[in-house]
Protein backbone atom coordinates (compact mmCIF):
# COMPACT_ATOMS: atom_id res chain seq x y z
CA UNK A 1 7.82 -24.40 -1.37
CA UNK A 2 7.57 -20.62 -1.72
CA UNK A 3 4.62 -18.75 -0.18
CA UNK A 4 3.67 -15.12 0.23
CA UNK A 5 1.79 -14.81 3.54
CA UNK A 6 -1.52 -13.02 3.80
CA UNK A 7 -1.45 -9.65 5.50
CA UNK A 8 -3.90 -10.81 8.17
CA UNK A 9 -1.37 -13.40 9.43
CA UNK A 10 0.76 -12.70 12.49
CA UNK A 11 4.03 -11.05 11.58
CA UNK A 12 7.19 -9.80 13.23
CA UNK A 13 7.37 -6.17 12.17
CA UNK A 14 6.42 -3.27 9.92
CA UNK A 15 8.52 -0.96 7.77
CA UNK A 16 7.73 2.78 7.74
CA UNK A 17 9.68 5.57 6.02
CA UNK A 18 9.69 9.04 7.60
CA UNK A 19 7.98 11.53 5.20
CA UNK A 20 10.08 14.53 4.17
CA UNK A 21 10.04 14.80 0.38
CA UNK A 22 8.74 18.34 -0.41
CA UNK A 23 7.00 17.31 -3.64
CA UNK A 24 4.88 14.75 -1.79
CA UNK A 25 4.49 16.08 1.75
CA UNK A 26 3.34 19.58 2.56
CA UNK A 27 5.36 22.00 4.66
CA UNK A 28 8.44 19.78 4.83
CA UNK A 29 6.36 16.82 5.91
CA UNK A 30 5.43 18.35 9.27
CA UNK A 31 1.69 17.70 8.86
CA UNK A 32 2.10 14.13 7.64
CA UNK A 33 4.69 13.31 10.29
CA UNK A 34 2.06 13.62 13.01
CA UNK A 35 0.00 10.87 11.34
CA UNK A 36 3.08 8.71 10.74
CA UNK A 37 4.09 9.06 14.40
CA UNK A 38 0.61 8.02 15.54
CA UNK A 39 0.73 5.00 13.24
CA UNK A 40 4.19 4.02 14.45
CA UNK A 41 3.10 4.25 18.08
CA UNK A 42 -0.02 2.12 17.50
CA UNK A 43 1.81 -0.59 15.57
CA UNK A 44 4.72 -0.69 18.00
CA UNK A 45 2.43 -1.82 20.82
CA UNK A 46 2.52 -5.36 19.43
CA UNK A 47 5.40 -5.56 16.94
CA UNK A 48 8.62 -3.89 15.83
CA UNK A 49 8.51 -0.81 13.61
CA UNK A 50 11.58 -0.24 11.44
CA UNK A 51 11.46 3.50 10.86
CA UNK A 52 13.57 4.52 7.89
CA UNK A 53 15.05 8.01 7.79
CA UNK A 54 17.89 9.93 6.17
CA UNK A 55 21.01 11.48 7.71
CA UNK A 56 19.39 14.87 8.15
CA UNK A 57 16.40 13.59 10.13
CA UNK A 58 17.88 10.58 11.91
CA UNK A 59 18.57 12.28 15.26
CA UNK A 60 15.17 14.01 15.21
CA UNK A 61 13.38 10.71 14.63
CA UNK A 62 15.46 8.87 17.19
CA UNK A 63 14.64 11.54 19.80
CA UNK A 64 10.92 11.47 18.98
CA UNK A 65 10.67 7.75 19.70
CA UNK A 66 13.28 7.49 22.42
CA UNK A 67 12.07 5.08 25.10
CA UNK A 68 9.96 3.07 22.67
CA UNK A 69 12.11 0.00 22.15
CA UNK A 70 9.83 -1.34 19.43
CA UNK A 71 10.48 1.64 17.14
CA UNK A 72 13.88 1.10 15.54
CA UNK A 73 15.24 4.01 13.47
CA UNK A 74 17.36 2.89 10.51
CA UNK A 75 19.43 5.17 8.30
CA UNK A 76 18.77 4.00 4.73
CA UNK A 77 18.42 6.51 1.87
CA UNK A 78 15.08 6.76 0.04
CA UNK A 79 13.53 9.28 -2.30
CA UNK A 80 10.07 9.12 -0.73
CA UNK A 81 8.07 7.35 1.97
CA UNK A 82 5.99 4.66 0.21
CA UNK A 83 7.28 1.60 2.06
CA UNK A 84 4.65 -0.73 0.55
CA UNK A 85 5.78 0.04 -2.99
CA UNK A 86 9.54 0.33 -2.60
CA UNK A 87 10.05 -2.26 0.13
CA UNK A 88 10.85 -5.93 -0.44
CA UNK A 89 7.90 -8.24 -1.00
CA UNK A 90 8.53 -10.89 1.63
CA UNK A 91 8.00 -14.58 0.93
CA UNK A 92 8.68 -17.69 2.97
CA UNK A 93 10.47 -20.86 1.93
CA UNK A 94 10.29 -23.52 4.64
CA UNK A 95 11.06 -21.48 7.79
CA UNK A 96 13.21 -18.86 6.06
CA UNK A 97 12.06 -15.36 5.07
CA UNK A 98 13.31 -13.76 1.86
CA UNK A 99 12.75 -10.30 0.38
CA UNK A 100 11.80 -10.05 -3.29
CA UNK A 101 13.51 -7.17 -5.09
CA UNK A 102 11.40 -5.79 -7.94
CA UNK A 103 12.30 -2.85 -10.14
CA UNK A 104 10.72 0.38 -8.91
CA UNK A 105 10.30 3.19 -11.47
CA UNK A 106 8.06 5.68 -9.60
CA UNK A 107 4.82 4.20 -10.93
CA UNK A 108 5.58 4.43 -14.62
CA UNK A 109 9.11 5.60 -15.40
CA UNK A 110 9.46 7.78 -18.47
CA UNK A 111 5.95 6.91 -19.61
CA UNK A 112 3.91 8.30 -16.70
CA UNK A 113 6.10 8.13 -13.59
CA UNK A 114 5.49 10.63 -10.81
CA UNK A 115 9.06 11.78 -10.21
CA UNK A 116 12.36 11.47 -12.04
CA UNK A 117 14.84 10.72 -9.26
CA UNK A 118 13.93 7.32 -7.81
CA UNK A 119 17.30 5.54 -7.61
CA UNK A 120 17.34 5.34 -3.81
CA UNK A 121 13.77 4.02 -3.79
CA UNK A 122 14.74 1.42 -6.38
CA UNK A 123 17.70 0.34 -4.22
CA UNK A 124 15.79 0.29 -0.96
CA UNK A 125 14.55 -3.32 -0.97
CA UNK A 126 18.06 -4.72 -1.25
CA UNK A 127 19.50 -2.18 1.21
CA UNK A 128 16.89 -3.08 3.83
CA UNK A 129 17.36 -6.83 3.40
CA UNK A 130 21.13 -6.52 3.65
CA UNK A 131 20.91 -4.39 6.79
CA UNK A 132 18.61 -6.88 8.55
CA UNK A 133 20.16 -10.04 7.15
CA UNK A 134 17.37 -11.27 4.87
CA UNK A 135 18.22 -13.18 1.72
CA UNK A 136 17.20 -11.45 -1.51
CA UNK A 137 15.29 -12.97 -4.44
CA UNK A 138 16.24 -10.95 -7.51
CA UNK A 139 13.30 -9.96 -9.73
CA UNK A 140 14.75 -6.61 -10.75
CA UNK A 141 13.98 -7.14 -14.43
CA UNK A 142 10.27 -6.85 -13.56
CA UNK A 143 8.53 -3.61 -12.53
CA UNK A 144 6.17 -4.08 -9.60
CA UNK A 145 5.03 -2.17 -6.52
CA UNK A 146 3.83 -3.91 -3.38
CA UNK A 147 0.52 -2.06 -3.39
CA UNK A 148 -0.36 -3.44 -6.82
CA UNK A 149 -0.98 -6.96 -5.48
CA UNK A 150 -2.83 -8.56 -2.58
CA UNK A 151 -2.74 -12.22 -1.58
CA UNK A 152 -4.67 -14.62 0.63
CA UNK A 153 -1.62 -16.60 1.78
CA UNK A 154 -3.08 -19.74 0.24
CA UNK A 155 -2.19 -19.30 -3.41
CA UNK A 156 -4.57 -16.56 -4.63
CA UNK A 157 -3.55 -13.07 -5.77
CA UNK A 158 -5.71 -10.09 -6.79
CA UNK A 159 -4.49 -7.24 -8.98
CA UNK A 160 -5.79 -4.69 -11.52
CA UNK A 161 -5.28 -4.62 -15.27
CA UNK A 162 -5.09 -0.82 -15.16
CA UNK A 163 -1.90 -1.09 -13.14
CA UNK A 164 -0.03 -4.22 -14.15
CA UNK A 165 -0.84 -3.82 -17.85
CA UNK A 166 0.16 -0.15 -17.80
CA UNK A 167 2.63 0.86 -20.50
CA UNK A 168 4.85 2.26 -17.76
CA UNK A 169 5.37 -1.15 -16.11
CA UNK A 170 6.28 -4.15 -18.28
CA UNK A 171 4.99 -3.34 -21.81
CA UNK A 172 7.22 -5.98 -23.39
CA UNK A 173 5.28 -8.73 -21.59
CA UNK A 174 1.84 -10.15 -22.30
CA UNK A 175 -0.83 -10.50 -19.63
CA UNK A 176 -0.16 -14.25 -19.56
CA UNK A 177 3.59 -13.71 -19.12
CA UNK A 178 2.98 -11.24 -16.28
CA UNK A 179 0.65 -13.70 -14.58
CA UNK A 180 3.22 -16.48 -14.85
CA UNK A 181 5.89 -14.23 -13.33
CA UNK A 182 3.63 -13.48 -10.37
CA UNK A 183 2.87 -17.16 -9.83
CA UNK A 184 6.50 -18.26 -10.09
CA UNK A 185 7.84 -15.42 -7.92
CA UNK A 186 5.27 -15.46 -5.14
CA UNK A 187 4.15 -19.06 -4.96
CA UNK A 188 0.60 -18.34 -6.08
CA UNK A 189 -1.45 -20.45 -8.49
CA UNK A 190 -4.49 -18.24 -9.12
CA UNK A 191 -4.49 -14.60 -10.26
CA UNK A 192 -7.77 -12.67 -10.24
CA UNK A 193 -7.68 -9.64 -12.54
CA UNK A 194 -9.96 -6.69 -11.85
CA UNK A 195 -10.17 -4.16 -14.70
CA UNK A 196 -9.77 -1.07 -12.54
CA UNK A 197 -9.24 0.24 -9.03
CA UNK A 198 -10.10 3.70 -7.68
CA UNK A 199 -10.39 6.00 -10.69
CA UNK A 200 -7.86 8.82 -10.59
CA UNK A 201 -5.46 6.89 -8.36
CA UNK A 202 -2.08 8.10 -9.63
CA UNK A 203 -0.52 4.67 -9.05
CA UNK A 204 -2.50 3.49 -12.10
CA UNK A 205 -5.17 2.15 -9.75
CA UNK A 206 -3.40 -0.09 -7.26
CA UNK A 207 -5.54 -2.90 -5.94
CA UNK A 208 -4.70 -2.14 -2.31
CA UNK A 209 -6.79 1.03 -2.48
CA UNK A 210 -9.80 -0.86 -3.81
CA UNK A 211 -9.96 -4.55 -2.88
CA UNK A 212 -8.12 -6.83 -0.47
CA UNK A 213 -8.37 -10.11 1.39
CA UNK A 214 -9.56 -10.10 4.98
CA UNK A 215 -9.01 -13.86 5.31
CA UNK A 216 -8.75 -16.78 2.88
CA UNK A 217 -11.93 -16.88 0.83
CA UNK A 218 -13.11 -13.39 1.81
CA UNK A 219 -12.43 -9.96 0.32
CA UNK A 220 -13.56 -6.43 1.00
CA UNK A 221 -14.20 -4.00 -1.85
CA UNK A 222 -14.61 -0.22 -1.88
CA UNK A 223 -18.19 0.58 -2.89
CA UNK A 224 -20.41 3.44 -3.92
CA UNK A 225 -24.17 3.25 -4.57
CA UNK A 226 -24.10 6.56 -6.45
CA UNK A 227 -24.93 5.54 -10.03
CA UNK A 228 -23.89 9.01 -11.27
CA UNK A 229 -20.34 8.44 -10.04
CA UNK A 230 -18.09 6.82 -12.71
CA UNK A 231 -16.63 4.73 -9.89
CA UNK A 232 -19.98 2.96 -9.52
CA UNK A 233 -19.58 1.03 -12.78
CA UNK A 234 -16.06 0.03 -11.72
CA UNK A 235 -17.41 -1.29 -8.42
CA UNK A 236 -20.24 -3.21 -10.07
CA UNK A 237 -17.93 -4.86 -12.59
CA UNK A 238 -15.42 -5.84 -9.91
CA UNK A 239 -18.19 -7.23 -7.70
CA UNK A 240 -19.47 -9.36 -10.57
CA UNK A 241 -16.00 -10.74 -11.25
CA UNK A 242 -15.28 -11.51 -7.61
CA UNK A 243 -18.62 -13.15 -6.84
CA UNK A 244 -18.22 -15.43 -9.86
CA UNK A 245 -14.61 -16.38 -9.14
CA UNK A 246 -13.12 -19.23 -7.16
CA UNK A 247 -9.81 -19.01 -5.35
CA UNK A 248 -6.78 -21.28 -5.57
CA UNK A 249 -8.42 -23.72 -3.14
CA UNK A 250 -11.64 -23.91 -5.19
CA UNK A 251 -13.71 -21.73 -2.83
CA UNK A 252 -16.29 -19.21 -3.96
CA UNK A 253 -15.30 -15.80 -2.66
CA UNK A 254 -17.38 -13.97 -0.08
CA UNK A 255 -17.36 -10.27 -1.01
CA UNK A 256 -17.95 -7.55 1.59
CA UNK A 257 -18.62 -3.93 0.63
CA UNK A 258 -17.02 -1.01 2.44
CA UNK A 259 -18.40 2.45 1.62
CA UNK A 260 -16.31 5.08 -0.07
CA UNK A 261 -16.26 8.58 1.48
CA UNK A 262 -19.55 10.34 0.82
CA UNK A 263 -17.80 13.57 -0.21
CA UNK A 264 -14.71 14.05 -2.38
CA UNK A 265 -11.41 14.79 -0.66
CA UNK A 266 -9.54 17.43 -2.65
CA UNK A 267 -6.31 19.40 -2.69
CA UNK A 268 -6.82 22.82 -1.06
CA UNK A 269 -4.90 26.06 -1.51
CA UNK A 270 -3.32 25.45 1.90
CA UNK A 271 -2.06 22.09 0.66
CA UNK A 272 -0.81 23.51 -2.61
CA UNK A 273 1.10 26.30 -0.90
CA UNK A 274 2.98 23.69 1.14
CA UNK A 275 4.45 21.72 -1.78
CA UNK A 276 7.83 22.31 -3.43
CA UNK A 277 7.97 20.50 -6.76
CA UNK A 278 11.06 19.38 -8.65
CA UNK A 279 11.54 19.84 -12.38
CA UNK A 280 9.82 17.04 -14.28
CA UNK A 281 7.72 16.01 -11.31
CA UNK A 282 3.98 15.36 -11.47
CA UNK A 283 2.54 18.42 -9.73
CA UNK A 284 -0.76 18.84 -7.87
CA UNK A 285 -3.58 21.27 -8.55
CA UNK A 286 -6.05 23.04 -6.27
CA UNK A 287 -9.37 21.17 -6.33
CA UNK A 288 -7.75 17.94 -7.53
CA UNK A 289 -9.74 14.95 -6.28
CA UNK A 290 -7.72 12.53 -4.17
CA UNK A 291 -8.18 8.75 -4.23
CA UNK A 292 -9.59 8.52 -0.71
CA UNK A 293 -10.60 4.99 0.28
CA UNK A 294 -11.31 3.09 3.48
CA UNK A 295 -10.12 -0.11 1.78
CA UNK A 296 -6.56 1.13 2.29
CA UNK A 297 -6.54 -0.03 5.92
CA UNK A 298 -3.59 -1.78 7.56
CA UNK A 299 -3.66 -4.92 9.70
CA UNK A 300 -1.05 -5.10 12.42
CA UNK A 301 -0.87 -7.70 15.18
CA UNK A 302 -4.14 -7.30 17.06
CA UNK A 303 -5.35 -4.08 15.46
CA UNK A 304 -6.69 -2.66 12.22
CA UNK A 305 -5.74 0.93 11.36
CA UNK A 306 -8.60 2.53 9.44
CA UNK A 307 -8.19 5.75 7.43
CA UNK A 308 -10.55 8.56 8.35
CA UNK A 309 -11.30 11.73 6.41
CA UNK A 310 -13.73 13.70 8.57
CA UNK A 311 -16.50 12.21 6.43
CA UNK A 312 -19.95 10.95 7.38
CA UNK A 313 -18.92 7.44 6.29
CA UNK A 314 -15.89 7.29 8.60
CA UNK A 315 -17.75 5.45 11.35
CA UNK A 316 -19.55 3.15 8.89
CA UNK A 317 -16.20 2.00 7.51
CA UNK A 318 -15.00 1.22 11.02
CA UNK A 319 -18.17 -0.77 11.68
CA UNK A 320 -17.65 -2.88 8.55
CA UNK A 321 -14.07 -3.69 9.53
CA UNK A 322 -15.05 -4.36 13.14
CA UNK A 323 -17.37 -7.08 11.87
CA UNK A 324 -14.67 -8.56 9.64
CA UNK A 325 -11.97 -8.46 12.31
CA UNK A 326 -13.82 -9.15 15.60
CA UNK A 327 -10.61 -10.21 17.33
CA UNK A 328 -8.84 -6.90 16.53
CA UNK A 329 -9.00 -3.41 17.95
CA UNK A 330 -10.27 -0.97 15.32
CA UNK A 331 -8.08 2.15 15.41
CA UNK A 332 -9.32 5.19 13.44
CA UNK A 333 -6.45 7.27 12.00
CA UNK A 334 -7.00 10.69 10.44
CA UNK A 335 -5.42 10.09 7.04
CA UNK A 336 -6.03 13.27 5.08
CA UNK A 337 -2.45 14.47 5.49
CA UNK A 338 -1.29 11.11 4.14
CA UNK A 339 -3.50 11.01 1.04
CA UNK A 340 -2.42 14.57 0.19
CA UNK A 341 0.94 12.90 -0.43
CA UNK A 342 -0.68 10.53 -2.90
CA UNK A 343 -1.32 7.40 -0.85
CA UNK A 344 -2.89 6.08 2.33
CA UNK A 345 -2.19 4.00 5.44
CA UNK A 346 -1.63 0.72 3.61
CA UNK A 347 0.69 2.45 1.12
CA UNK A 348 3.15 3.59 3.79
CA UNK A 349 3.43 0.23 5.58
CA UNK A 350 5.15 -3.02 4.64
CA UNK A 351 5.03 -6.20 6.70
CA UNK A 352 7.85 -8.55 7.67
CA UNK A 353 6.56 -12.11 8.24
CA UNK A 354 7.35 -14.30 11.22
């Protein structure tokens, strides 16, 4: 029987991709690379980190992590560094691990995709599986990114309508057909649809930036009490759906709230001056609000990496997650240089199950 493990389960390793793309990462990626290196070093304390890099940067990356046997540089071409979205979605059948290969079209293809050249990203899942010897389950006729789904490991999946019903994904399929594909591909039997995620999230509101499982039967949701914020209505609606749902095992869900940053995180002139955009690429603007969220944390073996933004709610977010993961070390990670690229800590990491 096929099963997609929950992220909170013990696993063997994490995939990261070294950030260098000039349209995503400022100043040749130098600012973001500091955060990526910190994340790699934290994760590698308890599991392997497969650090993907291109020919040009391979020696630099290998030198940076020389002596850390748990950081394994691999030369596989990519267009960008969003391992969660371009990497294989791993599932288990009996004791074997397989990587699911979806179609990746840069979050919308010709309809509303973020960049035009994404062939290497689209090929990455198969390339990684072949290099490490994992079998591949071919789902390449279906557009999906790893950050658009979250599972409890026991048959329940959460996603957003804003993303999976986007005209840039699988417009030829109905909601029911998409749900059946998810169930058949991932071994789930219950799909919970939230209308939206974080408003303004350029991934068409991925669920991993808004709501995720902390254990079977329990979820955490990004929350704001500010009724003047359009996000408030999104949070209230999602909370109502979740508290009235049951999971695949028939359990009522326990819903925990994690605060959103109290102040907006925006693109600055310094950020804007550091980008180099390609023709046809979605460009950034000074003052543009970024989809900053503490719900985009990452669980590694024995630790939870929590994004921080220099905001008054940074410590409150850590306190919430400390209560939900009492057995784990809570590791704050300054994530501003990551979200400037368009994502967050969860977006740049992909797990490999035991």
